[in-house]
């Protein structure tokens, strides 16, 4: 998800997107 967001942002994609990342151990 983090990599996908970087790709969308850096390629200036015409999208409306939100990443949701729950983090636990």
PDBML (XML) file of the C-alpha atoms, coordinates in Angstrom:
<?xml version="1.0" encoding="UTF-8" ?>
<PDBx:datablock datablockName="MODEL"
   xmlns:PDBx="http://pdbml.pdb.org/schema/pdbx-v50.xsd"
   xmlns:xsi="http://www.w3.org/2001/XMLSchema-instance"
   xsi:schemaLocation="http://pdbml.pdb.org/schema/pdbx-v50.xsd pdbx-v50.xsd">
   <PDBx:atom_siteCategory>
      <PDBx:atom_site id="1">
         <PDBx:B_iso_or_equiv>0.00</PDBx:B_iso_or_equiv>
         <PDBx:Cartn_x>0.000</PDBx:Cartn_x>
         <PDBx:Cartn_y>0.000</PDBx:Cartn_y>
         <PDBx:Cartn_z>0.000</PDBx:Cartn_z>
         <PDBx:auth_asym_id>A</PDBx:auth_asym_id>
         <PDBx:auth_atom_id>CA</PDBx:auth_atom_id>
         <PDBx:auth_comp_id>UNK</PDBx:auth_comp_id>
         <PDBx:auth_seq_id>1</PDBx:auth_seq_id>
         <PDBx:group_PDB>ATOM</PDBx:group_PDB>
         <PDBx:label_alt_id xsi:nil="true" />
         <PDBx:label_asym_id>A</PDBx:label_asym_id>
         <PDBx:label_atom_id>CA</PDBx:label_atom_id>
         <PDBx:label_comp_id>UNK</PDBx:label_comp_id>
         <PDBx:label_entity_id>1</PDBx:label_entity_id>
         <PDBx:label_seq_id>1</PDBx:label_seq_id>
         <PDBx:occupancy>1.00</PDBx:occupancy>
         <PDBx:pdbx_PDB_model_num>1</PDBx:pdbx_PDB_model_num>
         <PDBx:type_symbol>C</PDBx:type_symbol>
      </PDBx:atom_site>
      <PDBx:atom_site id="2">
         <PDBx:B_iso_or_equiv>0.00</PDBx:B_iso_or_equiv>
         <PDBx:Cartn_x>2.827</PDBx:Cartn_x>
         <PDBx:Cartn_y>2.420</PDBx:Cartn_y>
         <PDBx:Cartn_z>0.892</PDBx:Cartn_z>
         <PDBx:auth_asym_id>A</PDBx:auth_asym_id>
         <PDBx:auth_atom_id>CA</PDBx:auth_atom_id>
         <PDBx:auth_comp_id>UNK</PDBx:auth_comp_id>
         <PDBx:auth_seq_id>2</PDBx:auth_seq_id>
         <PDBx:group_PDB>ATOM</PDBx:group_PDB>
         <PDBx:label_alt_id xsi:nil="true" />
         <PDBx:label_asym_id>A</PDBx:label_asym_id>
         <PDBx:label_atom_id>CA</PDBx:label_atom_id>
         <PDBx:label_comp_id>UNK</PDBx:label_comp_id>
         <PDBx:label_entity_id>1</PDBx:label_entity_id>
         <PDBx:label_seq_id>2</PDBx:label_seq_id>
         <PDBx:occupancy>1.00</PDBx:occupancy>
         <PDBx:pdbx_PDB_model_num>1</PDBx:pdbx_PDB_model_num>
         <PDBx:type_symbol>C</PDBx:type_symbol>
      </PDBx:atom_site>
      <PDBx:atom_site id="3">
         <PDBx:B_iso_or_equiv>0.00</PDBx:B_iso_or_equiv>
         <PDBx:Cartn_x>4.642</PDBx:Cartn_x>
         <PDBx:Cartn_y>1.638</PDBx:Cartn_y>
         <PDBx:Cartn_z>-2.374</PDBx:Cartn_z>
         <PDBx:auth_asym_id>A</PDBx:auth_asym_id>
         <PDBx:auth_atom_id>CA</PDBx:auth_atom_id>
         <PDBx:auth_comp_id>UNK</PDBx:auth_comp_id>
         <PDBx:auth_seq_id>3</PDBx:auth_seq_id>
         <PDBx:group_PDB>ATOM</PDBx:group_PDB>
         <PDBx:label_alt_id xsi:nil="true" />
         <PDBx:label_asym_id>A</PDBx:label_asym_id>
         <PDBx:label_atom_id>CA</PDBx:label_atom_id>
         <PDBx:label_comp_id>UNK</PDBx:label_comp_id>
         <PDBx:label_entity_id>1</PDBx:label_entity_id>
         <PDBx:label_seq_id>3</PDBx:label_seq_id>
         <PDBx:occupancy>1.00</PDBx:occupancy>
         <PDBx:pdbx_PDB_model_num>1</PDBx:pdbx_PDB_model_num>
         <PDBx:type_symbol>C</PDBx:type_symbol>
      </PDBx:atom_site>
      <PDBx:atom_site id="4">
         <PDBx:B_iso_or_equiv>0.00</PDBx:B_iso_or_equiv>
         <PDBx:Cartn_x>1.407</PDBx:Cartn_x>
         <PDBx:Cartn_y>2.038</PDBx:Cartn_y>
         <PDBx:Cartn_z>-4.348</PDBx:Cartn_z>
         <PDBx:auth_asym_id>A</PDBx:auth_asym_id>
         <PDBx:auth_atom_id>CA</PDBx:auth_atom_id>
         <PDBx:auth_comp_id>UNK</PDBx:auth_comp_id>
         <PDBx:auth_seq_id>4</PDBx:auth_seq_id>
         <PDBx:group_PDB>ATOM</PDBx:group_PDB>
         <PDBx:label_alt_id xsi:nil="true" />
         <PDBx:label_asym_id>A</PDBx:label_asym_id>
         <PDBx:label_atom_id>CA</PDBx:label_atom_id>
         <PDBx:label_comp_id>UNK</PDBx:label_comp_id>
         <PDBx:label_entity_id>1</PDBx:label_entity_id>
         <PDBx:label_seq_id>4</PDBx:label_seq_id>
         <PDBx:occupancy>1.00</PDBx:occupancy>
         <PDBx:pdbx_PDB_model_num>1</PDBx:pdbx_PDB_model_num>
         <PDBx:type_symbol>C</PDBx:type_symbol>
      </PDBx:atom_site>
      <PDBx:atom_site id="5">
         <PDBx:B_iso_or_equiv>0.00</PDBx:B_iso_or_equiv>
         <PDBx:Cartn_x>0.838</PDBx:Cartn_x>
         <PDBx:Cartn_y>5.459</PDBx:Cartn_y>
         <PDBx:Cartn_z>-2.808</PDBx:Cartn_z>
         <PDBx:auth_asym_id>A</PDBx:auth_asym_id>
         <PDBx:auth_atom_id>CA</PDBx:auth_atom_id>
         <PDBx:auth_comp_id>UNK</PDBx:auth_comp_id>
         <PDBx:auth_seq_id>5</PDBx:auth_seq_id>
         <PDBx:group_PDB>ATOM</PDBx:group_PDB>
         <PDBx:label_alt_id xsi:nil="true" />
         <PDBx:label_asym_id>A</PDBx:label_asym_id>
         <PDBx:label_atom_id>CA</PDBx:label_atom_id>
         <PDBx:label_comp_id>UNK</PDBx:label_comp_id>
         <PDBx:label_entity_id>1</PDBx:label_entity_id>
         <PDBx:label_seq_id>5</PDBx:label_seq_id>
         <PDBx:occupancy>1.00</PDBx:occupancy>
         <PDBx:pdbx_PDB_model_num>1</PDBx:pdbx_PDB_model_num>
         <PDBx:type_symbol>C</PDBx:type_symbol>
      </PDBx:atom_site>
      <PDBx:atom_site id="6">
         <PDBx:B_iso_or_equiv>0.00</PDBx:B_iso_or_equiv>
         <PDBx:Cartn_x>4.383</PDBx:Cartn_x>
         <PDBx:Cartn_y>6.534</PDBx:Cartn_y>
         <PDBx:Cartn_z>-3.714</PDBx:Cartn_z>
         <PDBx:auth_asym_id>A</PDBx:auth_asym_id>
         <PDBx:auth_atom_id>CA</PDBx:auth_atom_id>
         <PDBx:auth_comp_id>UNK</PDBx:auth_comp_id>
         <PDBx:auth_seq_id>6</PDBx:auth_seq_id>
         <PDBx:group_PDB>ATOM</PDBx:group_PDB>
         <PDBx:label_alt_id xsi:nil="true" />
         <PDBx:label_asym_id>A</PDBx:label_asym_id>
         <PDBx:label_atom_id>CA</PDBx:label_atom_id>
         <PDBx:label_comp_id>UNK</PDBx:label_comp_id>
         <PDBx:label_entity_id>1</PDBx:label_entity_id>
         <PDBx:label_seq_id>6</PDBx:label_seq_id>
         <PDBx:occupancy>1.00</PDBx:occupancy>
         <PDBx:pdbx_PDB_model_num>1</PDBx:pdbx_PDB_model_num>
         <PDBx:type_symbol>C</PDBx:type_symbol>
      </PDBx:atom_site>
      <PDBx:atom_site id="7">
         <PDBx:B_iso_or_equiv>0.00</PDBx:B_iso_or_equiv>
         <PDBx:Cartn_x>3.865</PDBx:Cartn_x>
         <PDBx:Cartn_y>5.355</PDBx:Cartn_y>
         <PDBx:Cartn_z>-7.298</PDBx:Cartn_z>
         <PDBx:auth_asym_id>A</PDBx:auth_asym_id>
         <PDBx:auth_atom_id>CA</PDBx:auth_atom_id>
         <PDBx:auth_comp_id>UNK</PDBx:auth_comp_id>
         <PDBx:auth_seq_id>7</PDBx:auth_seq_id>
         <PDBx:group_PDB>ATOM</PDBx:group_PDB>
         <PDBx:label_alt_id xsi:nil="true" />
         <PDBx:label_asym_id>A</PDBx:label_asym_id>
         <PDBx:label_atom_id>CA</PDBx:label_atom_id>
         <PDBx:label_comp_id>UNK</PDBx:label_comp_id>
         <PDBx:label_entity_id>1</PDBx:label_entity_id>
         <PDBx:label_seq_id>7</PDBx:label_seq_id>
         <PDBx:occupancy>1.00</PDBx:occupancy>
         <PDBx:pdbx_PDB_model_num>1</PDBx:pdbx_PDB_model_num>
         <PDBx:type_symbol>C</PDBx:type_symbol>
      </PDBx:atom_site>
      <PDBx:atom_site id="8">
         <PDBx:B_iso_or_equiv>0.00</PDBx:B_iso_or_equiv>
         <PDBx:Cartn_x>0.513</PDBx:Cartn_x>
         <PDBx:Cartn_y>7.172</PDBx:Cartn_y>
         <PDBx:Cartn_z>-7.634</PDBx:Cartn_z>
         <PDBx:auth_asym_id>A</PDBx:auth_asym_id>
         <PDBx:auth_atom_id>CA</PDBx:auth_atom_id>
         <PDBx:auth_comp_id>UNK</PDBx:auth_comp_id>
         <PDBx:auth_seq_id>8</PDBx:auth_seq_id>
         <PDBx:group_PDB>ATOM</PDBx:group_PDB>
         <PDBx:label_alt_id xsi:nil="true" />
         <PDBx:label_asym_id>A</PDBx:label_asym_id>
         <PDBx:label_atom_id>CA</PDBx:label_atom_id>
         <PDBx:label_comp_id>UNK</PDBx:label_comp_id>
         <PDBx:label_entity_id>1</PDBx:label_entity_id>
         <PDBx:label_seq_id>8</PDBx:label_seq_id>
         <PDBx:occupancy>1.00</PDBx:occupancy>
         <PDBx:pdbx_PDB_model_num>1</PDBx:pdbx_PDB_model_num>
         <PDBx:type_symbol>C</PDBx:type_symbol>
      </PDBx:atom_site>
      <PDBx:atom_site id="9">
         <PDBx:B_iso_or_equiv>0.00</PDBx:B_iso_or_equiv>
         <PDBx:Cartn_x>1.876</PDBx:Cartn_x>
         <PDBx:Cartn_y>10.399</PDBx:Cartn_y>
         <PDBx:Cartn_z>-6.136</PDBx:Cartn_z>
         <PDBx:auth_asym_id>A</PDBx:auth_asym_id>
         <PDBx:auth_atom_id>CA</PDBx:auth_atom_id>
         <PDBx:auth_comp_id>UNK</PDBx:auth_comp_id>
         <PDBx:auth_seq_id>9</PDBx:auth_seq_id>
         <PDBx:group_PDB>ATOM</PDBx:group_PDB>
         <PDBx:label_alt_id xsi:nil="true" />
         <PDBx:label_asym_id>A</PDBx:label_asym_id>
         <PDBx:label_atom_id>CA</PDBx:label_atom_id>
         <PDBx:label_comp_id>UNK</PDBx:label_comp_id>
         <PDBx:label_entity_id>1</PDBx:label_entity_id>
         <PDBx:label_seq_id>9</PDBx:label_seq_id>
         <PDBx:occupancy>1.00</PDBx:occupancy>
         <PDBx:pdbx_PDB_model_num>1</PDBx:pdbx_PDB_model_num>
         <PDBx:type_symbol>C</PDBx:type_symbol>
      </PDBx:atom_site>
      <PDBx:atom_site id="10">
         <PDBx:B_iso_or_equiv>0.00</PDBx:B_iso_or_equiv>
         <PDBx:Cartn_x>5.164</PDBx:Cartn_x>
         <PDBx:Cartn_y>10.455</PDBx:Cartn_y>
         <PDBx:Cartn_z>-8.072</PDBx:Cartn_z>
         <PDBx:auth_asym_id>A</PDBx:auth_asym_id>
         <PDBx:auth_atom_id>CA</PDBx:auth_atom_id>
         <PDBx:auth_comp_id>UNK</PDBx:auth_comp_id>
         <PDBx:auth_seq_id>10</PDBx:auth_seq_id>
         <PDBx:group_PDB>ATOM</PDBx:group_PDB>
         <PDBx:label_alt_id xsi:nil="true" />
         <PDBx:label_asym_id>A</PDBx:label_asym_id>
         <PDBx:label_atom_id>CA</PDBx:label_atom_id>
         <PDBx:label_comp_id>UNK</PDBx:label_comp_id>
         <PDBx:label_entity_id>1</PDBx:label_entity_id>
         <PDBx:label_seq_id>10</PDBx:label_seq_id>
         <PDBx:occupancy>1.00</PDBx:occupancy>
         <PDBx:pdbx_PDB_model_num>1</PDBx:pdbx_PDB_model_num>
         <PDBx:type_symbol>C</PDBx:type_symbol>
      </PDBx:atom_site>
      <PDBx:atom_site id="11">
         <PDBx:B_iso_or_equiv>0.00</PDBx:B_iso_or_equiv>
         <PDBx:Cartn_x>3.461</PDBx:Cartn_x>
         <PDBx:Cartn_y>9.652</PDBx:Cartn_y>
         <PDBx:Cartn_z>-11.383</PDBx:Cartn_z>
         <PDBx:auth_asym_id>A</PDBx:auth_asym_id>
         <PDBx:auth_atom_id>CA</PDBx:auth_atom_id>
         <PDBx:auth_comp_id>UNK</PDBx:auth_comp_id>
         <PDBx:auth_seq_id>11</PDBx:auth_seq_id>
         <PDBx:group_PDB>ATOM</PDBx:group_PDB>
         <PDBx:label_alt_id xsi:nil="true" />
         <PDBx:label_asym_id>A</PDBx:label_asym_id>
         <PDBx:label_atom_id>CA</PDBx:label_atom_id>
         <PDBx:label_comp_id>UNK</PDBx:label_comp_id>
         <PDBx:label_entity_id>1</PDBx:label_entity_id>
         <PDBx:label_seq_id>11</PDBx:label_seq_id>
         <PDBx:occupancy>1.00</PDBx:occupancy>
         <PDBx:pdbx_PDB_model_num>1</PDBx:pdbx_PDB_model_num>
         <PDBx:type_symbol>C</PDBx:type_symbol>
      </PDBx:atom_site>
      <PDBx:atom_site id="12">
         <PDBx:B_iso_or_equiv>0.00</PDBx:B_iso_or_equiv>
         <PDBx:Cartn_x>0.828</PDBx:Cartn_x>
         <PDBx:Cartn_y>12.368</PDBx:Cartn_y>
         <PDBx:Cartn_z>-10.668</PDBx:Cartn_z>
         <PDBx:auth_asym_id>A</PDBx:auth_asym_id>
         <PDBx:auth_atom_id>CA</PDBx:auth_atom_id>
         <PDBx:auth_comp_id>UNK</PDBx:auth_comp_id>
         <PDBx:auth_seq_id>12</PDBx:auth_seq_id>
         <PDBx:group_PDB>ATOM</PDBx:group_PDB>
         <PDBx:label_alt_id xsi:nil="true" />
         <PDBx:label_asym_id>A</PDBx:label_asym_id>
         <PDBx:label_atom_id>CA</PDBx:label_atom_id>
         <PDBx:label_comp_id>UNK</PDBx:label_comp_id>
         <PDBx:label_entity_id>1</PDBx:label_entity_id>
         <PDBx:label_seq_id>12</PDBx:label_seq_id>
         <PDBx:occupancy>1.00</PDBx:occupancy>
         <PDBx:pdbx_PDB_model_num>1</PDBx:pdbx_PDB_model_num>
         <PDBx:type_symbol>C</PDBx:type_symbol>
      </PDBx:atom_site>
      <PDBx:atom_site id="13">
         <PDBx:B_iso_or_equiv>0.00</PDBx:B_iso_or_equiv>
         <PDBx:Cartn_x>-2.001</PDBx:Cartn_x>
         <PDBx:Cartn_y>9.892</PDBx:Cartn_y>
         <PDBx:Cartn_z>-11.232</PDBx:Cartn_z>
         <PDBx:auth_asym_id>A</PDBx:auth_asym_id>
         <PDBx:auth_atom_id>CA</PDBx:auth_atom_id>
         <PDBx:auth_comp_id>UNK</PDBx:auth_comp_id>
         <PDBx:auth_seq_id>13</PDBx:auth_seq_id>
         <PDBx:group_PDB>ATOM</PDBx:group_PDB>
         <PDBx:label_alt_id xsi:nil="true" />
         <PDBx:label_asym_id>A</PDBx:label_asym_id>
         <PDBx:label_atom_id>CA</PDBx:label_atom_id>
         <PDBx:label_comp_id>UNK</PDBx:label_comp_id>
         <PDBx:label_entity_id>1</PDBx:label_entity_id>
         <PDBx:label_seq_id>13</PDBx:label_seq_id>
         <PDBx:occupancy>1.00</PDBx:occupancy>
         <PDBx:pdbx_PDB_model_num>1</PDBx:pdbx_PDB_model_num>
         <PDBx:type_symbol>C</PDBx:type_symbol>
      </PDBx:atom_site>
      <PDBx:atom_site id="14">
         <PDBx:B_iso_or_equiv>0.00</PDBx:B_iso_or_equiv>
         <PDBx:Cartn_x>-5.504</PDBx:Cartn_x>
         <PDBx:Cartn_y>11.318</PDBx:Cartn_y>
         <PDBx:Cartn_z>-11.683</PDBx:Cartn_z>
         <PDBx:auth_asym_id>A</PDBx:auth_asym_id>
         <PDBx:auth_atom_id>CA</PDBx:auth_atom_id>
         <PDBx:auth_comp_id>UNK</PDBx:auth_comp_id>
         <PDBx:auth_seq_id>14</PDBx:auth_seq_id>
         <PDBx:group_PDB>ATOM</PDBx:group_PDB>
         <PDBx:label_alt_id xsi:nil="true" />
         <PDBx:label_asym_id>A</PDBx:label_asym_id>
         <PDBx:label_atom_id>CA</PDBx:label_atom_id>
         <PDBx:label_comp_id>UNK</PDBx:label_comp_id>
         <PDBx:label_entity_id>1</PDBx:label_entity_id>
         <PDBx:label_seq_id>14</PDBx:label_seq_id>
         <PDBx:occupancy>1.00</PDBx:occupancy>
         <PDBx:pdbx_PDB_model_num>1</PDBx:pdbx_PDB_model_num>
         <PDBx:type_symbol>C</PDBx:type_symbol>
      </PDBx:atom_site>
      <PDBx:atom_site id="15">
         <PDBx:B_iso_or_equiv>0.00</PDBx:B_iso_or_equiv>
         <PDBx:Cartn_x>-7.018</PDBx:Cartn_x>
         <PDBx:Cartn_y>9.374</PDBx:Cartn_y>
         <PDBx:Cartn_z>-8.793</PDBx:Cartn_z>
         <PDBx:auth_asym_id>A</PDBx:auth_asym_id>
         <PDBx:auth_atom_id>CA</PDBx:auth_atom_id>
         <PDBx:auth_comp_id>UNK</PDBx:auth_comp_id>
         <PDBx:auth_seq_id>15</PDBx:auth_seq_id>
         <PDBx:group_PDB>ATOM</PDBx:group_PDB>
         <PDBx:label_alt_id xsi:nil="true" />
         <PDBx:label_asym_id>A</PDBx:label_asym_id>
         <PDBx:label_atom_id>CA</PDBx:label_atom_id>
         <PDBx:label_comp_id>UNK</PDBx:label_comp_id>
         <PDBx:label_entity_id>1</PDBx:label_entity_id>
         <PDBx:label_seq_id>15</PDBx:label_seq_id>
         <PDBx:occupancy>1.00</PDBx:occupancy>
         <PDBx:pdbx_PDB_model_num>1</PDBx:pdbx_PDB_model_num>
         <PDBx:type_symbol>C</PDBx:type_symbol>
      </PDBx:atom_site>
      <PDBx:atom_site id="16">
         <PDBx:B_iso_or_equiv>0.00</PDBx:B_iso_or_equiv>
         <PDBx:Cartn_x>-8.687</PDBx:Cartn_x>
         <PDBx:Cartn_y>9.983</PDBx:Cartn_y>
         <PDBx:Cartn_z>-5.428</PDBx:Cartn_z>
         <PDBx:auth_asym_id>A</PDBx:auth_asym_id>
         <PDBx:auth_atom_id>CA</PDBx:auth_atom_id>
         <PDBx:auth_comp_id>UNK</PDBx:auth_comp_id>
         <PDBx:auth_seq_id>16</PDBx:auth_seq_id>
         <PDBx:group_PDB>ATOM</PDBx:group_PDB>
         <PDBx:label_alt_id xsi:nil="true" />
         <PDBx:label_asym_id>A</PDBx:label_asym_id>
         <PDBx:label_atom_id>CA</PDBx:label_atom_id>
         <PDBx:label_comp_id>UNK</PDBx:label_comp_id>
         <PDBx:label_entity_id>1</PDBx:label_entity_id>
         <PDBx:label_seq_id>16</PDBx:label_seq_id>
         <PDBx:occupancy>1.00</PDBx:occupancy>
         <PDBx:pdbx_PDB_model_num>1</PDBx:pdbx_PDB_model_num>
         <PDBx:type_symbol>C</PDBx:type_symbol>
      </PDBx:atom_site>
      <PDBx:atom_site id="17">
         <PDBx:B_iso_or_equiv>0.00</PDBx:B_iso_or_equiv>
         <PDBx:Cartn_x>-7.155</PDBx:Cartn_x>
         <PDBx:Cartn_y>7.497</PDBx:Cartn_y>
         <PDBx:Cartn_z>-2.989</PDBx:Cartn_z>
         <PDBx:auth_asym_id>A</PDBx:auth_asym_id>
         <PDBx:auth_atom_id>CA</PDBx:auth_atom_id>
         <PDBx:auth_comp_id>UNK</PDBx:auth_comp_id>
         <PDBx:auth_seq_id>17</PDBx:auth_seq_id>
         <PDBx:group_PDB>ATOM</PDBx:group_PDB>
         <PDBx:label_alt_id xsi:nil="true" />
         <PDBx:label_asym_id>A</PDBx:label_asym_id>
         <PDBx:label_atom_id>CA</PDBx:label_atom_id>
         <PDBx:label_comp_id>UNK</PDBx:label_comp_id>
         <PDBx:label_entity_id>1</PDBx:label_entity_id>
         <PDBx:label_seq_id>17</PDBx:label_seq_id>
         <PDBx:occupancy>1.00</PDBx:occupancy>
         <PDBx:pdbx_PDB_model_num>1</PDBx:pdbx_PDB_model_num>
         <PDBx:type_symbol>C</PDBx:type_symbol>
      </PDBx:atom_site>
      <PDBx:atom_site id="18">
         <PDBx:B_iso_or_equiv>0.00</PDBx:B_iso_or_equiv>
         <PDBx:Cartn_x>-6.604</PDBx:Cartn_x>
         <PDBx:Cartn_y>6.868</PDBx:Cartn_y>
         <PDBx:Cartn_z>0.702</PDBx:Cartn_z>
         <PDBx:auth_asym_id>A</PDBx:auth_asym_id>
         <PDBx:auth_atom_id>CA</PDBx:auth_atom_id>
         <PDBx:auth_comp_id>UNK</PDBx:auth_comp_id>
         <PDBx:auth_seq_id>18</PDBx:auth_seq_id>
         <PDBx:group_PDB>ATOM</PDBx:group_PDB>
         <PDBx:label_alt_id xsi:nil="true" />
         <PDBx:label_asym_id>A</PDBx:label_asym_id>
         <PDBx:label_atom_id>CA</PDBx:label_atom_id>
         <PDBx:label_comp_id>UNK</PDBx:label_comp_id>
         <PDBx:label_entity_id>1</PDBx:label_entity_id>
         <PDBx:label_seq_id>18</PDBx:label_seq_id>
         <PDBx:occupancy>1.00</PDBx:occupancy>
         <PDBx:pdbx_PDB_model_num>1</PDBx:pdbx_PDB_model_num>
         <PDBx:type_symbol>C</PDBx:type_symbol>
      </PDBx:atom_site>
      <PDBx:atom_site id="19">
         <PDBx:B_iso_or_equiv>0.00</PDBx:B_iso_or_equiv>
         <PDBx:Cartn_x>-4.252</PDBx:Cartn_x>
         <PDBx:Cartn_y>4.332</PDBx:Cartn_y>
         <PDBx:Cartn_z>2.268</PDBx:Cartn_z>
         <PDBx:auth_asym_id>A</PDBx:auth_asym_id>
         <PDBx:auth_atom_id>CA</PDBx:auth_atom_id>
         <PDBx:auth_comp_id>UNK</PDBx:auth_comp_id>
         <PDBx:auth_seq_id>19</PDBx:auth_seq_id>
         <PDBx:group_PDB>ATOM</PDBx:group_PDB>
         <PDBx:label_alt_id xsi:nil="true" />
         <PDBx:label_asym_id>A</PDBx:label_asym_id>
         <PDBx:label_atom_id>CA</PDBx:label_atom_id>
         <PDBx:label_comp_id>UNK</PDBx:label_comp_id>
         <PDBx:label_entity_id>1</PDBx:label_entity_id>
         <PDBx:label_seq_id>19</PDBx:label_seq_id>
         <PDBx:occupancy>1.00</PDBx:occupancy>
         <PDBx:pdbx_PDB_model_num>1</PDBx:pdbx_PDB_model_num>
         <PDBx:type_symbol>C</PDBx:type_symbol>
      </PDBx:atom_site>
      <PDBx:atom_site id="20">
         <PDBx:B_iso_or_equiv>0.00</PDBx:B_iso_or_equiv>
         <PDBx:Cartn_x>-5.396</PDBx:Cartn_x>
         <PDBx:Cartn_y>2.770</PDBx:Cartn_y>
         <PDBx:Cartn_z>5.553</PDBx:Cartn_z>
         <PDBx:auth_asym_id>A</PDBx:auth_asym_id>
         <PDBx:auth_atom_id>CA</PDBx:auth_atom_id>
         <PDBx:auth_comp_id>UNK</PDBx:auth_comp_id>
         <PDBx:auth_seq_id>20</PDBx:auth_seq_id>
         <PDBx:group_PDB>ATOM</PDBx:group_PDB>
         <PDBx:label_alt_id xsi:nil="true" />
         <PDBx:label_asym_id>A</PDBx:label_asym_id>
         <PDBx:label_atom_id>CA</PDBx:label_atom_id>
         <PDBx:label_comp_id>UNK</PDBx:label_comp_id>
         <PDBx:label_entity_id>1</PDBx:label_entity_id>
         <PDBx:label_seq_id>20</PDBx:label_seq_id>
         <PDBx:occupancy>1.00</PDBx:occupancy>
         <PDBx:pdbx_PDB_model_num>1</PDBx:pdbx_PDB_model_num>
         <PDBx:type_symbol>C</PDBx:type_symbol>
      </PDBx:atom_site>
      <PDBx:atom_site id="21">
         <PDBx:B_iso_or_equiv>0.00</PDBx:B_iso_or_equiv>
         <PDBx:Cartn_x>-2.651</PDBx:Cartn_x>
         <PDBx:Cartn_y>0.963</PDBx:Cartn_y>
         <PDBx:Cartn_z>7.463</PDBx:Cartn_z>
         <PDBx:auth_asym_id>A</PDBx:auth_asym_id>
         <PDBx:auth_atom_id>CA</PDBx:auth_atom_id>
         <PDBx:auth_comp_id>UNK</PDBx:auth_comp_id>
         <PDBx:auth_seq_id>21</PDBx:auth_seq_id>
         <PDBx:group_PDB>ATOM</PDBx:group_PDB>
         <PDBx:label_alt_id xsi:nil="true" />
         <PDBx:label_asym_id>A</PDBx:label_asym_id>
         <PDBx:label_atom_id>CA</PDBx:label_atom_id>
         <PDBx:label_comp_id>UNK</PDBx:label_comp_id>
         <PDBx:label_entity_id>1</PDBx:label_entity_id>
         <PDBx:label_seq_id>21</PDBx:label_seq_id>
         <PDBx:occupancy>1.00</PDBx:occupancy>
         <PDBx:pdbx_PDB_model_num>1</PDBx:pdbx_PDB_model_num>
         <PDBx:type_symbol>C</PDBx:type_symbol>
      </PDBx:atom_site>
      <PDBx:atom_site id="22">
         <PDBx:B_iso_or_equiv>0.00</PDBx:B_iso_or_equiv>
         <PDBx:Cartn_x>-3.245</PDBx:Cartn_x>
         <PDBx:Cartn_y>-0.718</PDBx:Cartn_y>
         <PDBx:Cartn_z>10.843</PDBx:Cartn_z>
         <PDBx:auth_asym_id>A</PDBx:auth_asym_id>
         <PDBx:auth_atom_id>CA</PDBx:auth_atom_id>
         <PDBx:auth_comp_id>UNK</PDBx:auth_comp_id>
         <PDBx:auth_seq_id>22</PDBx:auth_seq_id>
         <PDBx:group_PDB>ATOM</PDBx:group_PDB>
         <PDBx:label_alt_id xsi:nil="true" />
         <PDBx:label_asym_id>A</PDBx:label_asym_id>
         <PDBx:label_atom_id>CA</PDBx:label_atom_id>
         <PDBx:label_comp_id>UNK</PDBx:label_comp_id>
         <PDBx:label_entity_id>1</PDBx:label_entity_id>
         <PDBx:label_seq_id>22</PDBx:label_seq_id>
         <PDBx:occupancy>1.00</PDBx:occupancy>
         <PDBx:pdbx_PDB_model_num>1</PDBx:pdbx_PDB_model_num>
         <PDBx:type_symbol>C</PDBx:type_symbol>
      </PDBx:atom_site>
      <PDBx:atom_site id="23">
         <PDBx:B_iso_or_equiv>0.00</PDBx:B_iso_or_equiv>
         <PDBx:Cartn_x>0.101</PDBx:Cartn_x>
         <PDBx:Cartn_y>-1.344</PDBx:Cartn_y>
         <PDBx:Cartn_z>12.590</PDBx:Cartn_z>
         <PDBx:auth_asym_id>A</PDBx:auth_asym_id>
         <PDBx:auth_atom_id>CA</PDBx:auth_atom_id>
         <PDBx:auth_comp_id>UNK</PDBx:auth_comp_id>
         <PDBx:auth_seq_id>23</PDBx:auth_seq_id>
         <PDBx:group_PDB>ATOM</PDBx:group_PDB>
         <PDBx:label_alt_id xsi:nil="true" />
         <PDBx:label_asym_id>A</PDBx:label_asym_id>
         <PDBx:label_atom_id>CA</PDBx:label_atom_id>
         <PDBx:label_comp_id>UNK</PDBx:label_comp_id>
         <PDBx:label_entity_id>1</PDBx:label_entity_id>
         <PDBx:label_seq_id>23</PDBx:label_seq_id>
         <PDBx:occupancy>1.00</PDBx:occupancy>
         <PDBx:pdbx_PDB_model_num>1</PDBx:pdbx_PDB_model_num>
         <PDBx:type_symbol>C</PDBx:type_symbol>
      </PDBx:atom_site>
      <PDBx:atom_site id="24">
         <PDBx:B_iso_or_equiv>0.00</PDBx:B_iso_or_equiv>
         <PDBx:Cartn_x>0.624</PDBx:Cartn_x>
         <PDBx:Cartn_y>-3.884</PDBx:Cartn_y>
         <PDBx:Cartn_z>15.377</PDBx:Cartn_z>
         <PDBx:auth_asym_id>A</PDBx:auth_asym_id>
         <PDBx:auth_atom_id>CA</PDBx:auth_atom_id>
         <PDBx:auth_comp_id>UNK</PDBx:auth_comp_id>
         <PDBx:auth_seq_id>24</PDBx:auth_seq_id>
         <PDBx:group_PDB>ATOM</PDBx:group_PDB>
         <PDBx:label_alt_id xsi:nil="true" />
         <PDBx:label_asym_id>A</PDBx:label_asym_id>
         <PDBx:label_atom_id>CA</PDBx:label_atom_id>
         <PDBx:label_comp_id>UNK</PDBx:label_comp_id>
         <PDBx:label_entity_id>1</PDBx:label_entity_id>
         <PDBx:label_seq_id>24</PDBx:label_seq_id>
         <PDBx:occupancy>1.00</PDBx:occupancy>
         <PDBx:pdbx_PDB_model_num>1</PDBx:pdbx_PDB_model_num>
         <PDBx:type_symbol>C</PDBx:type_symbol>
      </PDBx:atom_site>
      <PDBx:atom_site id="25">
         <PDBx:B_iso_or_equiv>0.00</PDBx:B_iso_or_equiv>
         <PDBx:Cartn_x>3.090</PDBx:Cartn_x>
         <PDBx:Cartn_y>-6.454</PDBx:Cartn_y>
         <PDBx:Cartn_z>16.665</PDBx:Cartn_z>
         <PDBx:auth_asym_id>A</PDBx:auth_asym_id>
         <PDBx:auth_atom_id>CA</PDBx:auth_atom_id>
         <PDBx:auth_comp_id>UNK</PDBx:auth_comp_id>
         <PDBx:auth_seq_id>25</PDBx:auth_seq_id>
         <PDBx:group_PDB>ATOM</PDBx:group_PDB>
         <PDBx:label_alt_id xsi:nil="true" />
         <PDBx:label_asym_id>A</PDBx:label_asym_id>
         <PDBx:label_atom_id>CA</PDBx:label_atom_id>
         <PDBx:label_comp_id>UNK</PDBx:label_comp_id>
         <PDBx:label_entity_id>1</PDBx:label_entity_id>
         <PDBx:label_seq_id>25</PDBx:label_seq_id>
         <PDBx:occupancy>1.00</PDBx:occupancy>
         <PDBx:pdbx_PDB_model_num>1</PDBx:pdbx_PDB_model_num>
         <PDBx:type_symbol>C</PDBx:type_symbol>
      </PDBx:atom_site>
   </PDBx:atom_siteCategory>
</PDBx:datablock>
